[in-house]
Each structure stands twice: as structure tokens, then as C-alpha cells.
Amino acid sequence: MKRLAFAALMVGLAVLAPAPRASAAEAAGESASGETKEPSEIWKWANFALLAAGLGYLIGKNAPAFFADRSRKIVKDIDDARRFGEEAEARAAAVEGRLANLETEIAAMRGESQTAIAGEMERQEARVVSELAKIQAQSEREIEAAGKAARLELRRFAGDLAIDLAQLKIQARMTQEAQDSLVRGFVHDLKNPPSGAPRN
């Protein structure tokens, strides 16, 4: 690139450089006659040939490397673009494959979820039935225990009531004479124990 810039600078200087003046004698003749003479045609062609040779040399020296480098970049860019295109096509194909399999995966997931829901419902139902059976058995045990406790309480109450009733009957039948007779019999038994009873 530096060489191309240098060549462009040289061309610009050559174009902008003024044409060489004629000799002093020609200059004097020009001023005397009052006419301007054009530079010779040979000088123009020599200047043009020199410029063309310089440009040809610079272009011939720098252009092949420049165009070869430019060609390599273009080929590399084309290869990169082709590779990116192939990668994009592969990604698009993978996405299309996943989208095609997505419906199958969704159907499979739906089936699995329905199976899981059905299984969970069966487990919950079995758990509820088991809990109900436990509650019923517990209730039956509690009812039976309450019945036993009520029967025992009723028996005790009936026993207490029978004792109270017997006591009332005894008290109603017990006179002072009967009490004295019982005390005398008790004292007599203490003094005269039966023949088999041990003495104190």
C-alpha cells in the first residue's frame, strides 16, 4: 500500500510539474518577436513516455502482489461465506429435526403425565380407603371400649345400689334387741371358740 501511495504521489508531481523552458536564446527571440513558442512535440512525447514507463514499472512491481493479496482475501471470504452457509444449513436442519420430533416428544410427555396422574390418583384413593378403614377400626375400638366402660360403670352402680338397698333393708329390720343378740353371740364366740379354732 505504501508503494502504491508513493507511485500516486510521483504521478501527481509529474502531471503538475511545469514544462521546461526553452533556452535563453529562444527566450530572447520570443520576447523580441512577441510570439510564444510551444514546447517541442518531442518533449511532450518524452515526458509522456517517461511518465508511462514510471507508472508501468510501479504498477508492474506492486500490482501483482496487491491483486494476489486481494484475490486471496476474496477467496477466503468466499470460503468463509460457504462455510457459514453450510453451518447455517446444518443448524436449520437440526432445528427442523427437533421441531419434527417436538410433536412426538409432546405426545410422549402427555402420555407419561397422564399415566403419572392416573397412578397418583390410584395411590391417593388407596390411601383414602386405608385411612377410612383405620378410622372405622379406631371408631369401633373406641365404641367397644366405651361400651365396656359403660357396662362396668353400670355394674358398679348396680352393685352400689344393691348394697345401699341391702343396707337399708338391714337397717329397717335391725332392732335394738337384734343388735344386742348379735353382740352377745359375737362375744360368746370370742370366749368359746369352736373346738377346731386356735386360742389366742
C-alpha atoms as a PDB file:
ATOM      1  CA  MET A   1       0.000   0.000   0.000  1.00  0.00           C
ATOM      2  CA  LYS A   2       2.893   2.341   0.761  1.00  0.00           C
ATOM      3  CA  ARG A   3       4.330   1.697  -2.701  1.00  0.00           C
ATOM      4  CA  LEU A   4       1.010   2.498  -4.353  1.00  0.00           C
ATOM      5  CA  ALA A   5       0.774   5.735  -2.397  1.00  0.00           C
ATOM      6  CA  PHE A   6       4.319   6.627  -3.425  1.00  0.00           C
ATOM      7  CA  ALA A   7       3.502   5.872  -7.072  1.00  0.00           C
ATOM      8  CA  ALA A   8       0.392   8.047  -6.928  1.00  0.00           C
ATOM      9  CA  LEU A   9       2.467  10.879  -5.462  1.00  0.00           C
ATOM     10  CA  MET A  10       5.051  10.585  -8.248  1.00  0.00           C
ATOM     11  CA  VAL A  11       2.326  10.649 -10.903  1.00  0.00           C
ATOM     12  CA  GLY A  12       0.786  13.718  -9.337  1.00  0.00           C
ATOM     13  CA  LEU A  13       4.140  15.518  -9.250  1.00  0.00           C
ATOM     14  CA  ALA A  14       4.855  14.601 -12.860  1.00  0.00           C
ATOM     15  CA  VAL A  15       1.487  15.888 -14.041  1.00  0.00           C
ATOM     16  CA  LEU A  16       1.653  19.097 -12.076  1.00  0.00           C
ATOM     17  CA  ALA A  17       5.315  19.854 -12.920  1.00  0.00           C
ATOM     18  CA  PRO A  18       5.622  22.750 -15.426  1.00  0.00           C
ATOM     19  CA  ALA A  19       7.098  22.069 -18.811  1.00  0.00           C
ATOM     20  CA  PRO A  20      10.832  23.040 -19.117  1.00  0.00           C
ATOM     21  CA  ARG A  21      11.559  26.439 -20.536  1.00  0.00           C
ATOM     22  CA  ALA A  22      13.330  26.825 -23.785  1.00  0.00           C
ATOM     23  CA  SER A  23      16.910  28.014 -23.930  1.00  0.00           C
ATOM     24  CA  ALA A  24      17.869  31.628 -23.255  1.00  0.00           C
ATOM     25  CA  ALA A  25      18.230  32.355 -26.943  1.00  0.00           C
ATOM     26  CA  GLU A  26      14.753  31.119 -27.642  1.00  0.00           C
ATOM     27  CA  ALA A  27      13.539  33.180 -24.715  1.00  0.00           C
ATOM     28  CA  ALA A  28      15.184  36.281 -26.161  1.00  0.00           C
ATOM     29  CA  GLY A  29      13.731  35.595 -29.610  1.00  0.00           C
ATOM     30  CA  GLU A  30      10.356  35.085 -28.012  1.00  0.00           C
ATOM     31  CA  SER A  31      10.454  38.398 -26.291  1.00  0.00           C
ATOM     32  CA  ALA A  32      11.716  40.175 -29.387  1.00  0.00           C
ATOM     33  CA  SER A  33       9.179  38.817 -31.744  1.00  0.00           C
ATOM     34  CA  GLY A  34       6.381  38.848 -29.146  1.00  0.00           C
ATOM     35  CA  GLU A  35       5.213  35.371 -30.054  1.00  0.00           C
ATOM     36  CA  THR A  36       5.144  32.418 -27.685  1.00  0.00           C
ATOM     37  CA  LYS A  37       6.559  29.217 -28.954  1.00  0.00           C
ATOM     38  CA  GLU A  38       5.099  25.941 -27.930  1.00  0.00           C
ATOM     39  CA  PRO A  39       7.443  23.369 -26.389  1.00  0.00           C
ATOM     40  CA  SER A  40       8.571  20.907 -28.907  1.00  0.00           C
ATOM     41  CA  GLU A  41       6.394  17.952 -29.642  1.00  0.00           C
ATOM     42  CA  ILE A  42       9.278  15.629 -28.863  1.00  0.00           C
ATOM     43  CA  TRP A  43       9.491  16.914 -25.301  1.00  0.00           C
ATOM     44  CA  LYS A  44       5.788  16.180 -24.760  1.00  0.00           C
ATOM     45  CA  TRP A  45       6.184  12.656 -26.016  1.00  0.00           C
ATOM     46  CA  ALA A  46       9.338  12.116 -23.994  1.00  0.00           C
ATOM     47  CA  ASN A  47       7.577  13.385 -20.875  1.00  0.00           C
ATOM     48  CA  PHE A  48       4.621  11.113 -21.591  1.00  0.00           C
ATOM     49  CA  ALA A  49       6.882   8.115 -22.222  1.00  0.00           C
ATOM     50  CA  LEU A  50       8.791   8.759 -19.017  1.00  0.00           C
ATOM     51  CA  LEU A  51       5.562   9.028 -17.063  1.00  0.00           C
ATOM     52  CA  ALA A  52       4.128   5.903 -18.670  1.00  0.00           C
ATOM     53  CA  ALA A  53       7.337   3.955 -18.006  1.00  0.00           C
ATOM     54  CA  GLY A  54       7.350   5.031 -14.344  1.00  0.00           C
ATOM     55  CA  LEU A  55       3.716   4.115 -13.938  1.00  0.00           C
ATOM     56  CA  GLY A  56       4.212   0.838 -15.766  1.00  0.00           C
ATOM     57  CA  TYR A  57       7.182  -0.018 -13.595  1.00  0.00           C
ATOM     58  CA  LEU A  58       5.352   0.802 -10.360  1.00  0.00           C
ATOM     59  CA  ILE A  59       2.181  -0.970 -11.435  1.00  0.00           C
ATOM     60  CA  GLY A  60       4.130  -3.974 -12.680  1.00  0.00           C
ATOM     61  CA  LYS A  61       6.063  -4.153  -9.448  1.00  0.00           C
ATOM     62  CA  ASN A  62       3.199  -3.611  -6.970  1.00  0.00           C
ATOM     63  CA  ALA A  63       0.027  -4.695  -8.748  1.00  0.00           C
ATOM     64  CA  PRO A  64       0.664  -8.481  -8.794  1.00  0.00           C
ATOM     65  CA  ALA A  65       1.228  -8.620  -5.030  1.00  0.00           C
ATOM     66  CA  PHE A  66      -1.763  -6.320  -4.426  1.00  0.00           C
ATOM     67  CA  PHE A  67      -4.085  -8.300  -6.704  1.00  0.00           C
ATOM     68  CA  ALA A  68      -2.781 -11.628  -5.380  1.00  0.00           C
ATOM     69  CA  ASP A  69      -3.442 -10.485  -1.816  1.00  0.00           C
ATOM     70  CA  ARG A  70      -6.838  -9.148  -2.849  1.00  0.00           C
ATOM     71  CA  SER A  71      -7.615 -12.448  -4.605  1.00  0.00           C
ATOM     72  CA  ARG A  72      -6.615 -14.414  -1.515  1.00  0.00           C
ATOM     73  CA  LYS A  73      -8.911 -12.264   0.628  1.00  0.00           C
ATOM     74  CA  ILE A  74     -11.778 -12.711  -1.821  1.00  0.00           C
ATOM     75  CA  VAL A  75     -11.244 -16.487  -1.937  1.00  0.00           C
ATOM     76  CA  LYS A  76     -11.032 -16.583   1.865  1.00  0.00           C
ATOM     77  CA  ASP A  77     -14.224 -14.522   2.152  1.00  0.00           C
ATOM     78  CA  ILE A  78     -15.964 -16.847  -0.315  1.00  0.00           C
ATOM     79  CA  ASP A  79     -14.785 -19.904   1.652  1.00  0.00           C
ATOM     80  CA  ASP A  80     -15.914 -18.320   4.925  1.00  0.00           C
ATOM     81  CA  ALA A  81     -19.273 -17.455   3.411  1.00  0.00           C
ATOM     82  CA  ARG A  82     -19.673 -21.007   2.072  1.00  0.00           C
ATOM     83  CA  ARG A  83     -18.667 -22.463   5.464  1.00  0.00           C
ATOM     84  CA  PHE A  84     -21.063 -20.151   7.293  1.00  0.00           C
ATOM     85  CA  GLY A  85     -23.794 -21.097   4.838  1.00  0.00           C
ATOM     86  CA  GLU A  86     -23.150 -24.805   5.412  1.00  0.00           C
ATOM     87  CA  GLU A  87     -23.173 -24.283   9.187  1.00  0.00           C
ATOM     88  CA  ALA A  88     -26.416 -22.310   8.916  1.00  0.00           C
ATOM     89  CA  GLU A  89     -27.967 -25.056   6.797  1.00  0.00           C
ATOM     90  CA  ALA A  90     -26.839 -27.693   9.312  1.00  0.00           C
ATOM     91  CA  ARG A  91     -28.303 -25.666  12.183  1.00  0.00           C
ATOM     92  CA  ALA A  92     -31.539 -25.136  10.260  1.00  0.00           C
ATOM     93  CA  ALA A  93     -31.739 -28.877   9.546  1.00  0.00           C
ATOM     94  CA  ALA A  94     -31.130 -29.644  13.236  1.00  0.00           C
ATOM     95  CA  VAL A  95     -33.836 -27.180  14.250  1.00  0.00           C
ATOM     96  CA  GLU A  96     -36.249 -28.650  11.713  1.00  0.00           C
ATOM     97  CA  GLY A  97     -35.456 -32.145  13.016  1.00  0.00           C
ATOM     98  CA  ARG A  98     -36.091 -31.049  16.583  1.00  0.00           C
ATOM     99  CA  LEU A  99     -39.326 -29.357  15.546  1.00  0.00           C
ATOM    100  CA  ALA A 100     -40.402 -32.517  13.736  1.00  0.00           C
ATOM    101  CA  ASN A 101     -39.654 -34.582  16.851  1.00  0.00           C
ATOM    102  CA  LEU A 102     -41.259 -31.983  19.118  1.00  0.00           C
ATOM    103  CA  GLU A 103     -44.800 -33.231  18.487  1.00  0.00           C
ATOM    104  CA  THR A 104     -43.717 -36.790  19.235  1.00  0.00           C
ATOM    105  CA  GLU A 105     -41.955 -35.654  22.423  1.00  0.00           C
ATOM    106  CA  ILE A 106     -45.025 -33.633  23.473  1.00  0.00           C
ATOM    107  CA  ALA A 107     -47.303 -36.637  22.873  1.00  0.00           C
ATOM    108  CA  ALA A 108     -44.938 -38.875  24.854  1.00  0.00           C
ATOM    109  CA  MET A 109     -44.750 -36.353  27.697  1.00  0.00           C
ATOM    110  CA  ARG A 110     -48.542 -36.036  27.686  1.00  0.00           C
ATOM    111  CA  GLY A 111     -48.894 -39.823  27.890  1.00  0.00           C
ATOM    112  CA  GLU A 112     -46.346 -40.010  30.710  1.00  0.00           C
ATOM    113  CA  SER A 113     -48.101 -37.239  32.628  1.00  0.00           C
ATOM    114  CA  GLN A 114     -51.500 -38.916  32.210  1.00  0.00           C
ATOM    115  CA  THR A 115     -50.018 -42.214  33.400  1.00  0.00           C
ATOM    116  CA  ALA A 116     -48.414 -40.459  36.364  1.00  0.00           C
ATOM    117  CA  ILE A 117     -51.677 -38.669  37.198  1.00  0.00           C
ATOM    118  CA  ALA A 118     -53.640 -41.932  36.999  1.00  0.00           C
ATOM    119  CA  GLY A 119     -51.090 -43.677  39.217  1.00  0.00           C
ATOM    120  CA  GLU A 120     -51.156 -40.842  41.720  1.00  0.00           C
ATOM    121  CA  MET A 121     -54.967 -40.900  41.781  1.00  0.00           C
ATOM    122  CA  GLU A 122     -54.913 -44.648  42.439  1.00  0.00           C
ATOM    123  CA  ARG A 123     -52.371 -44.151  45.236  1.00  0.00           C
ATOM    124  CA  GLN A 124     -54.463 -41.360  46.756  1.00  0.00           C
ATOM    125  CA  GLU A 125     -57.619 -43.474  46.513  1.00  0.00           C
ATOM    126  CA  ALA A 126     -55.876 -46.445  48.157  1.00  0.00           C
ATOM    127  CA  ARG A 127     -54.539 -44.114  50.863  1.00  0.00           C
ATOM    128  CA  VAL A 128     -58.028 -42.686  51.474  1.00  0.00           C
ATOM    129  CA  VAL A 129     -59.528 -46.195  51.659  1.00  0.00           C
ATOM    130  CA  SER A 130     -56.782 -47.257  54.073  1.00  0.00           C
ATOM    131  CA  GLU A 131     -57.286 -44.158  56.232  1.00  0.00           C
ATOM    132  CA  LEU A 132     -61.053 -44.712  56.267  1.00  0.00           C
ATOM    133  CA  ALA A 133     -60.525 -48.354  57.310  1.00  0.00           C
ATOM    134  CA  LYS A 134     -58.185 -47.217  60.098  1.00  0.00           C
ATOM    135  CA  ILE A 135     -60.670 -44.581  61.251  1.00  0.00           C
ATOM    136  CA  GLN A 136     -63.506 -47.099  61.193  1.00  0.00           C
ATOM    137  CA  ALA A 137     -61.456 -49.659  63.143  1.00  0.00           C
ATOM    138  CA  GLN A 138     -60.432 -46.985  65.649  1.00  0.00           C
ATOM    139  CA  SER A 139     -64.045 -45.875  65.994  1.00  0.00           C
ATOM    140  CA  GLU A 140     -65.170 -49.464  66.540  1.00  0.00           C
ATOM    141  CA  ARG A 141     -62.483 -49.941  69.206  1.00  0.00           C
ATOM    142  CA  GLU A 142     -63.459 -46.723  70.917  1.00  0.00           C
ATOM    143  CA  ILE A 143     -67.142 -47.651  70.790  1.00  0.00           C
ATOM    144  CA  GLU A 144     -66.362 -51.092  72.201  1.00  0.00           C
ATOM    145  CA  ALA A 145     -64.183 -49.581  74.937  1.00  0.00           C
ATOM    146  CA  ALA A 146     -66.871 -47.032  75.744  1.00  0.00           C
ATOM    147  CA  GLY A 147     -69.464 -49.853  75.873  1.00  0.00           C
ATOM    148  CA  LYS A 148     -67.259 -51.876  78.238  1.00  0.00           C
ATOM    149  CA  ALA A 149     -66.662 -48.842  80.435  1.00  0.00           C
ATOM    150  CA  ALA A 150     -70.401 -48.084  80.447  1.00  0.00           C
ATOM    151  CA  ARG A 151     -71.237 -51.699  81.335  1.00  0.00           C
ATOM    152  CA  LEU A 152     -68.643 -51.692  84.132  1.00  0.00           C
ATOM    153  CA  GLU A 153     -69.974 -48.398  85.416  1.00  0.00           C
ATOM    154  CA  LEU A 154     -73.494 -49.759  85.229  1.00  0.00           C
ATOM    155  CA  ARG A 155     -72.471 -52.905  87.112  1.00  0.00           C
ATOM    156  CA  ARG A 156     -70.711 -50.867  89.774  1.00  0.00           C
ATOM    157  CA  PHE A 157     -73.657 -48.547  90.069  1.00  0.00           C
ATOM    158  CA  ALA A 158     -76.000 -51.567  90.267  1.00  0.00           C
ATOM    159  CA  GLY A 159     -73.697 -53.124  92.923  1.00  0.00           C
ATOM    160  CA  ASP A 160     -73.590 -49.889  94.908  1.00  0.00           C
ATOM    161  CA  LEU A 161     -77.316 -49.585  94.570  1.00  0.00           C
ATOM    162  CA  ALA A 162     -77.806 -53.226  95.709  1.00  0.00           C
ATOM    163  CA  ILE A 163     -75.507 -52.644  98.702  1.00  0.00           C
ATOM    164  CA  ASP A 164     -77.343 -49.472  99.642  1.00  0.00           C
ATOM    165  CA  LEU A 165     -80.663 -51.255  99.248  1.00  0.00           C
ATOM    166  CA  ALA A 166     -79.462 -54.224 101.357  1.00  0.00           C
ATOM    167  CA  GLN A 167     -78.137 -51.804 103.950  1.00  0.00           C
ATOM    168  CA  LEU A 168     -81.469 -50.063 104.076  1.00  0.00           C
ATOM    169  CA  LYS A 169     -83.249 -53.391 104.396  1.00  0.00           C
ATOM    170  CA  ILE A 170     -80.899 -54.495 107.158  1.00  0.00           C
ATOM    171  CA  GLN A 171     -81.275 -51.205 108.954  1.00  0.00           C
ATOM    172  CA  ALA A 172     -85.032 -51.461 108.629  1.00  0.00           C
ATOM    173  CA  ARG A 173     -85.050 -54.999 110.105  1.00  0.00           C
ATOM    174  CA  MET A 174     -82.372 -54.376 112.711  1.00  0.00           C
ATOM    175  CA  THR A 175     -83.922 -53.610 116.076  1.00  0.00           C
ATOM    176  CA  GLN A 176     -82.215 -52.957 119.401  1.00  0.00           C
ATOM    177  CA  GLU A 177     -82.916 -56.485 120.544  1.00  0.00           C
ATOM    178  CA  ALA A 178     -81.457 -57.970 117.350  1.00  0.00           C
ATOM    179  CA  GLN A 179     -78.331 -55.861 117.758  1.00  0.00           C
ATOM    180  CA  ASP A 180     -77.912 -56.940 121.387  1.00  0.00           C
ATOM    181  CA  SER A 181     -78.392 -60.554 120.386  1.00  0.00           C
ATOM    182  CA  LEU A 182     -75.728 -60.240 117.657  1.00  0.00           C
ATOM    183  CA  VAL A 183     -73.250 -58.601 120.048  1.00  0.00           C
ATOM    184  CA  ARG A 184     -73.841 -61.308 122.688  1.00  0.00           C
ATOM    185  CA  GLY A 185     -73.341 -64.019 120.071  1.00  0.00           C
ATOM    186  CA  PHE A 186     -70.129 -62.382 118.911  1.00  0.00           C
ATOM    187  CA  VAL A 187     -68.799 -62.088 122.446  1.00  0.00           C
ATOM    188  CA  HIS A 188     -69.786 -65.682 123.188  1.00  0.00           C
ATOM    189  CA  ASP A 189     -67.940 -66.848 120.051  1.00  0.00           C
ATOM    190  CA  LEU A 190     -64.860 -64.983 121.179  1.00  0.00           C
ATOM    191  CA  LYS A 191     -64.942 -66.558 124.638  1.00  0.00           C
ATOM    192  CA  ASN A 192     -65.825 -70.020 123.476  1.00  0.00           C
ATOM    193  CA  PRO A 193     -64.301 -70.650 120.133  1.00  0.00           C
ATOM    194  CA  PRO A 194     -65.231 -73.796 118.285  1.00  0.00           C
ATOM    195  CA  SER A 195     -63.160 -76.877 119.104  1.00  0.00           C
ATOM    196  CA  GLY A 196     -61.032 -76.737 115.931  1.00  0.00           C
ATOM    197  CA  ALA A 197     -60.275 -72.983 116.194  1.00  0.00           C
ATOM    198  CA  PRO A 198     -56.937 -71.934 117.751  1.00  0.00           C
ATOM    199  CA  ARG A 199     -56.984 -69.959 121.021  1.00  0.00           C
ATOM    200  CA  ASN A 200     -55.340 -66.583 121.379  1.00  0.00           C
END
